[in-house]
Amino acid sequence: MPFPSDCYDPERLDLMTRALDVAWNAVVMRRHESDRAALHTRMEIRIMAAVRDGERDDACLSQAALELVVPPNEV
């Protein structure tokens, strides 16, 4: 699990992990392997920030992460 479990309750961890999985699967084939680790970290941070700001919908969280790399009209 990429998110720190000492900062989030199990329900939030599950929500964020699902959102990250959806977003990651949408972009992994578009990126060179050397870019993937940094991108994954940036997507995690984007999801954590959105949850901190009150977002609880996994589709919206995935969208927030995807906006880092995919123009909104391509998602």
C-alpha atoms as a PDB file:
ATOM      1  CA  MET A   1       0.000   0.000   0.000  1.00  0.00           C
ATOM      2  CA  PRO A   2       1.600   3.305  -1.048  1.00  0.00           C
ATOM      3  CA  PHE A   3      -0.159   5.559   1.452  1.00  0.00           C
ATOM      4  CA  PRO A   4       1.033   5.937   5.073  1.00  0.00           C
ATOM      5  CA  SER A   5      -1.250   3.762   7.183  1.00  0.00           C
ATOM      6  CA  ASP A   6      -0.483   5.660  10.370  1.00  0.00           C
ATOM      7  CA  CYS A   7      -2.134   8.810   8.939  1.00  0.00           C
ATOM      8  CA  TYR A   8      -5.366   7.416   7.500  1.00  0.00           C
ATOM      9  CA  ASP A   9      -8.106   5.142   8.749  1.00  0.00           C
ATOM     10  CA  PRO A  10      -8.690   1.862   6.847  1.00  0.00           C
ATOM     11  CA  GLU A  11     -11.701   3.233   4.955  1.00  0.00           C
ATOM     12  CA  ARG A  12      -9.727   6.239   3.635  1.00  0.00           C
ATOM     13  CA  LEU A  13      -6.771   4.026   2.742  1.00  0.00           C
ATOM     14  CA  ASP A  14      -9.029   1.749   0.743  1.00  0.00           C
ATOM     15  CA  LEU A  15     -10.631   4.726  -1.021  1.00  0.00           C
ATOM     16  CA  MET A  16      -7.282   6.287  -1.917  1.00  0.00           C
ATOM     17  CA  THR A  17      -5.773   2.983  -3.041  1.00  0.00           C
ATOM     18  CA  ARG A  18      -8.723   2.271  -5.366  1.00  0.00           C
ATOM     19  CA  ALA A  19      -8.488   5.766  -6.836  1.00  0.00           C
ATOM     20  CA  LEU A  20      -4.742   5.467  -7.376  1.00  0.00           C
ATOM     21  CA  ASP A  21      -5.097   2.046  -9.011  1.00  0.00           C
ATOM     22  CA  VAL A  22      -7.642   3.374 -11.512  1.00  0.00           C
ATOM     23  CA  ALA A  23      -5.556   6.438 -12.329  1.00  0.00           C
ATOM     24  CA  TRP A  24      -2.312   4.478 -12.535  1.00  0.00           C
ATOM     25  CA  ASN A  25      -3.738   1.886 -14.895  1.00  0.00           C
ATOM     26  CA  ALA A  26      -4.963   4.667 -17.170  1.00  0.00           C
ATOM     27  CA  VAL A  27      -1.500   6.177 -17.617  1.00  0.00           C
ATOM     28  CA  VAL A  28       1.072   3.437 -17.084  1.00  0.00           C
ATOM     29  CA  MET A  29       1.161   2.469 -20.741  1.00  0.00           C
ATOM     30  CA  ARG A  30       1.681   6.076 -21.825  1.00  0.00           C
ATOM     31  CA  ARG A  31       4.842   6.661 -19.789  1.00  0.00           C
ATOM     32  CA  HIS A  32       8.421   5.548 -20.149  1.00  0.00           C
ATOM     33  CA  GLU A  33       9.467   3.182 -17.380  1.00  0.00           C
ATOM     34  CA  SER A  34      11.998   5.641 -15.932  1.00  0.00           C
ATOM     35  CA  ASP A  35       9.243   8.223 -15.381  1.00  0.00           C
ATOM     36  CA  ARG A  36       6.878   5.882 -13.567  1.00  0.00           C
ATOM     37  CA  ALA A  37       8.193   6.017  -9.994  1.00  0.00           C
ATOM     38  CA  ALA A  38       8.173   9.816  -9.851  1.00  0.00           C
ATOM     39  CA  LEU A  39       4.770   9.969 -11.497  1.00  0.00           C
ATOM     40  CA  HIS A  40       3.327   7.424  -9.080  1.00  0.00           C
ATOM     41  CA  THR A  41       4.543   9.486  -6.135  1.00  0.00           C
ATOM     42  CA  ARG A  42       3.071  12.683  -7.570  1.00  0.00           C
ATOM     43  CA  MET A  43      -0.264  10.916  -8.096  1.00  0.00           C
ATOM     44  CA  GLU A  44      -0.228   9.669  -4.490  1.00  0.00           C
ATOM     45  CA  ILE A  45       0.403  13.191  -3.218  1.00  0.00           C
ATOM     46  CA  ARG A  46      -2.393  14.610  -5.369  1.00  0.00           C
ATOM     47  CA  ILE A  47      -4.857  12.035  -3.983  1.00  0.00           C
ATOM     48  CA  MET A  48      -3.772  12.654  -0.379  1.00  0.00           C
ATOM     49  CA  ALA A  49      -4.225  16.404  -0.865  1.00  0.00           C
ATOM     50  CA  ALA A  50      -7.707  15.924  -2.292  1.00  0.00           C
ATOM     51  CA  VAL A  51      -8.709  13.656   0.612  1.00  0.00           C
ATOM     52  CA  ARG A  52      -7.284  16.206   3.061  1.00  0.00           C
ATOM     53  CA  ASP A  53      -9.500  18.813   1.374  1.00  0.00           C
ATOM     54  CA  GLY A  54     -12.578  16.637   1.889  1.00  0.00           C
ATOM     55  CA  GLU A  55     -12.965  14.660  -1.352  1.00  0.00           C
ATOM     56  CA  ARG A  56     -14.393  11.190  -0.740  1.00  0.00           C
ATOM     57  CA  ASP A  57     -15.441  10.033  -4.216  1.00  0.00           C
ATOM     58  CA  ASP A  58     -12.932   7.577  -5.688  1.00  0.00           C
ATOM     59  CA  ALA A  59     -13.717   8.596  -9.270  1.00  0.00           C
ATOM     60  CA  CYS A  60     -13.020  12.249  -8.442  1.00  0.00           C
ATOM     61  CA  LEU A  61      -9.803  11.263  -6.680  1.00  0.00           C
ATOM     62  CA  SER A  62      -8.670   9.271  -9.722  1.00  0.00           C
ATOM     63  CA  GLN A  63      -9.523  12.221 -11.942  1.00  0.00           C
ATOM     64  CA  ALA A  64      -7.446  14.539  -9.755  1.00  0.00           C
ATOM     65  CA  ALA A  65      -4.445  12.235 -10.086  1.00  0.00           C
ATOM     66  CA  LEU A  66      -4.922  11.832 -13.825  1.00  0.00           C
ATOM     67  CA  GLU A  67      -4.957  15.572 -14.385  1.00  0.00           C
ATOM     68  CA  LEU A  68      -1.228  15.550 -13.641  1.00  0.00           C
ATOM     69  CA  VAL A  69      -0.499  13.699 -16.864  1.00  0.00           C
ATOM     70  CA  VAL A  70      -3.576  13.408 -19.055  1.00  0.00           C
ATOM     71  CA  PRO A  71      -5.500  16.400 -20.403  1.00  0.00           C
ATOM     72  CA  PRO A  72      -9.060  16.327 -18.970  1.00  0.00           C
ATOM     73  CA  ASN A  73     -10.639  15.761 -22.402  1.00  0.00           C
ATOM     74  CA  GLU A  74      -8.607  12.532 -22.838  1.00  0.00           C
ATOM     75  CA  VAL A  75      -9.527  10.874 -19.518  1.00  0.00           C
END
